[in-house]
Amino acid sequence: MLERQAMDTDTTETLESAASLLRKGLRHIEVMSHLDQIPATGALIVVARPGPEGSSGFRVRAFAILP
């Protein structure tokens, strides 16, 4: 699922929204550019997962495989 939202929408002091996802082993992407160049259906977005321990955020490499 792709969702558009502004950067840093979690305004709690402890980043509780992000922390809640991380505790459950879930990751999310907050900002991704050039999505307008990817078809609405049929493409696969691949994200390299670095997995930094204890980090609240990090950059990733992402690319799309087009149909």
N, C-alpha and C. Protein backbone atom coordinates (compact mmCIF):
# COMPACT_ATOMS: atom_id res chain seq x y z
N MET A 1 0.84 -1.17 0.00
CA MET A 1 0.00 0.00 0.00
C MET A 1 0.89 1.24 0.00
N LEU A 2 0.58 2.16 -0.89
CA LEU A 2 1.31 3.43 -0.92
C LEU A 2 0.43 4.49 -0.28
N GLU A 3 1.01 5.24 0.60
CA GLU A 3 0.28 6.31 1.27
C GLU A 3 1.13 7.56 1.23
N ARG A 4 0.51 8.67 0.90
CA ARG A 4 1.26 9.93 0.87
C ARG A 4 0.99 10.71 2.13
N GLN A 5 2.04 11.15 2.76
CA GLN A 5 1.92 12.00 3.93
C GLN A 5 3.17 12.84 4.05
N ALA A 6 3.08 13.90 4.81
CA ALA A 6 4.22 14.79 5.00
C ALA A 6 5.28 14.11 5.86
N MET A 7 6.50 14.60 5.77
CA MET A 7 7.58 14.09 6.60
C MET A 7 7.29 14.39 8.07
N ASP A 8 7.73 13.50 8.92
CA ASP A 8 7.66 13.71 10.37
C ASP A 8 6.26 14.06 10.85
N THR A 9 5.29 13.24 10.54
CA THR A 9 3.93 13.50 10.98
C THR A 9 3.71 13.10 12.43
N ASP A 10 4.62 12.33 13.01
CA ASP A 10 4.53 11.95 14.42
C ASP A 10 5.13 13.07 15.25
N THR A 11 4.28 13.85 15.87
CA THR A 11 4.76 15.02 16.62
C THR A 11 4.93 14.74 18.11
N THR A 12 4.76 13.48 18.52
CA THR A 12 4.96 13.17 19.94
C THR A 12 6.45 13.25 20.26
N GLU A 13 6.76 13.57 21.48
CA GLU A 13 8.16 13.74 21.89
C GLU A 13 8.98 12.46 21.72
N THR A 14 8.34 11.31 21.91
CA THR A 14 9.06 10.03 21.82
C THR A 14 8.82 9.30 20.50
N LEU A 15 8.24 10.00 19.51
CA LEU A 15 7.92 9.39 18.21
C LEU A 15 7.14 8.10 18.39
N GLU A 16 6.08 8.16 19.19
CA GLU A 16 5.34 6.97 19.59
C GLU A 16 4.72 6.21 18.43
N SER A 17 4.24 6.90 17.40
CA SER A 17 3.66 6.19 16.26
C SER A 17 4.69 5.31 15.57
N ALA A 18 5.84 5.87 15.29
CA ALA A 18 6.91 5.11 14.66
C ALA A 18 7.41 4.01 15.59
N ALA A 19 7.56 4.32 16.86
CA ALA A 19 8.05 3.34 17.83
C ALA A 19 7.10 2.15 17.93
N SER A 20 5.80 2.42 17.86
CA SER A 20 4.81 1.34 17.93
C SER A 20 4.97 0.38 16.76
N LEU A 21 5.19 0.91 15.57
CA LEU A 21 5.41 0.04 14.40
C LEU A 21 6.71 -0.75 14.54
N LEU A 22 7.76 -0.07 14.98
CA LEU A 22 9.06 -0.73 15.11
C LEU A 22 9.02 -1.86 16.14
N ARG A 23 8.30 -1.65 17.24
CA ARG A 23 8.18 -2.71 18.26
C ARG A 23 7.49 -3.94 17.71
N LYS A 24 6.62 -3.75 16.72
CA LYS A 24 5.91 -4.87 16.10
C LYS A 24 6.69 -5.48 14.94
N GLY A 25 7.89 -4.97 14.71
CA GLY A 25 8.71 -5.49 13.62
C GLY A 25 8.31 -4.95 12.26
N LEU A 26 7.51 -3.88 12.23
CA LEU A 26 7.05 -3.30 10.98
C LEU A 26 7.88 -2.07 10.63
N ARG A 27 8.08 -1.86 9.36
CA ARG A 27 8.81 -0.69 8.88
C ARG A 27 7.89 0.07 7.94
N HIS A 28 8.13 1.35 7.77
CA HIS A 28 7.35 2.15 6.82
C HIS A 28 8.25 3.15 6.13
N ILE A 29 7.84 3.57 4.97
CA ILE A 29 8.57 4.57 4.21
C ILE A 29 7.80 5.87 4.30
N GLU A 30 8.46 6.92 4.75
CA GLU A 30 7.79 8.21 4.90
C GLU A 30 7.88 9.07 3.66
N VAL A 31 8.99 9.02 2.96
CA VAL A 31 9.18 9.91 1.81
C VAL A 31 9.81 9.11 0.67
N MET A 32 9.18 9.16 -0.51
CA MET A 32 9.73 8.48 -1.68
C MET A 32 9.44 9.37 -2.88
N SER A 33 10.45 9.65 -3.67
CA SER A 33 10.27 10.54 -4.82
C SER A 33 10.05 9.75 -6.11
N HIS A 34 9.58 10.42 -7.11
CA HIS A 34 9.38 9.91 -8.47
C HIS A 34 8.31 8.83 -8.57
N LEU A 35 7.40 8.77 -7.61
CA LEU A 35 6.32 7.78 -7.70
C LEU A 35 5.40 8.07 -8.88
N ASP A 36 5.38 9.30 -9.35
CA ASP A 36 4.55 9.64 -10.50
C ASP A 36 5.04 8.96 -11.78
N GLN A 37 6.26 8.44 -11.77
CA GLN A 37 6.82 7.77 -12.93
C GLN A 37 6.55 6.27 -12.94
N ILE A 38 5.86 5.78 -11.92
CA ILE A 38 5.57 4.35 -11.79
C ILE A 38 4.09 4.13 -12.09
N PRO A 39 3.75 3.10 -12.90
CA PRO A 39 2.35 2.83 -13.18
C PRO A 39 1.56 2.55 -11.90
N ALA A 40 0.28 2.90 -11.91
CA ALA A 40 -0.57 2.70 -10.73
C ALA A 40 -0.73 1.23 -10.39
N THR A 41 -0.63 0.35 -11.37
CA THR A 41 -0.73 -1.09 -11.12
C THR A 41 0.35 -1.83 -11.90
N GLY A 42 0.73 -2.99 -11.39
CA GLY A 42 1.65 -3.87 -12.10
C GLY A 42 3.11 -3.72 -11.77
N ALA A 43 3.50 -2.66 -11.09
CA ALA A 43 4.91 -2.46 -10.75
C ALA A 43 5.20 -3.06 -9.38
N LEU A 44 6.45 -3.43 -9.18
CA LEU A 44 6.90 -3.94 -7.89
C LEU A 44 7.97 -2.99 -7.36
N ILE A 45 7.76 -2.46 -6.17
CA ILE A 45 8.76 -1.58 -5.55
C ILE A 45 9.60 -2.42 -4.60
N VAL A 46 10.90 -2.39 -4.81
CA VAL A 46 11.85 -3.15 -3.99
C VAL A 46 12.61 -2.18 -3.12
N VAL A 47 12.70 -2.48 -1.83
CA VAL A 47 13.41 -1.61 -0.88
C VAL A 47 14.48 -2.43 -0.17
N ALA A 48 15.73 -1.96 -0.26
CA ALA A 48 16.83 -2.63 0.44
C ALA A 48 16.72 -2.30 1.92
N ARG A 49 16.73 -3.31 2.75
CA ARG A 49 16.54 -3.14 4.19
C ARG A 49 17.88 -3.21 4.92
N PRO A 50 18.38 -2.07 5.42
CA PRO A 50 19.64 -2.10 6.15
C PRO A 50 19.51 -2.61 7.57
N GLY A 51 18.37 -2.38 8.21
CA GLY A 51 18.14 -2.88 9.56
C GLY A 51 19.05 -2.36 10.65
N PRO A 52 19.26 -1.03 10.76
CA PRO A 52 20.11 -0.52 11.85
C PRO A 52 19.43 -0.70 13.21
N GLU A 53 20.12 -1.30 14.09
CA GLU A 53 19.58 -1.60 15.43
C GLU A 53 19.38 -0.32 16.23
N GLY A 54 18.17 -0.13 16.76
CA GLY A 54 17.88 0.99 17.64
C GLY A 54 17.70 2.32 16.95
N SER A 55 17.66 2.33 15.64
CA SER A 55 17.53 3.59 14.91
C SER A 55 16.06 3.96 14.72
N SER A 56 15.76 5.25 14.75
CA SER A 56 14.39 5.69 14.50
C SER A 56 14.17 6.04 13.03
N GLY A 57 15.23 6.03 12.25
CA GLY A 57 15.09 6.33 10.83
C GLY A 57 16.40 6.12 10.10
N PHE A 58 16.31 5.91 8.81
CA PHE A 58 17.51 5.68 8.00
C PHE A 58 17.13 5.78 6.53
N ARG A 59 18.10 6.03 5.69
CA ARG A 59 17.89 6.07 4.25
C ARG A 59 17.94 4.65 3.71
N VAL A 60 17.18 4.42 2.65
CA VAL A 60 17.19 3.13 1.97
C VAL A 60 17.32 3.35 0.48
N ARG A 61 17.72 2.31 -0.21
CA ARG A 61 17.72 2.31 -1.68
C ARG A 61 16.44 1.60 -2.10
N ALA A 62 15.70 2.25 -2.98
CA ALA A 62 14.46 1.65 -3.49
C ALA A 62 14.45 1.78 -5.01
N PHE A 63 13.87 0.77 -5.66
CA PHE A 63 13.72 0.83 -7.10
C PHE A 63 12.46 0.08 -7.49
N ALA A 64 11.98 0.36 -8.70
CA ALA A 64 10.76 -0.28 -9.17
C ALA A 64 11.09 -1.20 -10.34
N ILE A 65 10.43 -2.35 -10.33
CA ILE A 65 10.47 -3.26 -11.47
C ILE A 65 9.15 -3.05 -12.21
N LEU A 66 9.25 -2.56 -13.43
CA LEU A 66 8.05 -2.19 -14.19
C LEU A 66 7.54 -3.39 -15.00
N PRO A 67 6.20 -3.40 -15.24
CA PRO A 67 5.63 -4.51 -16.01
C PRO A 67 6.05 -4.45 -17.49
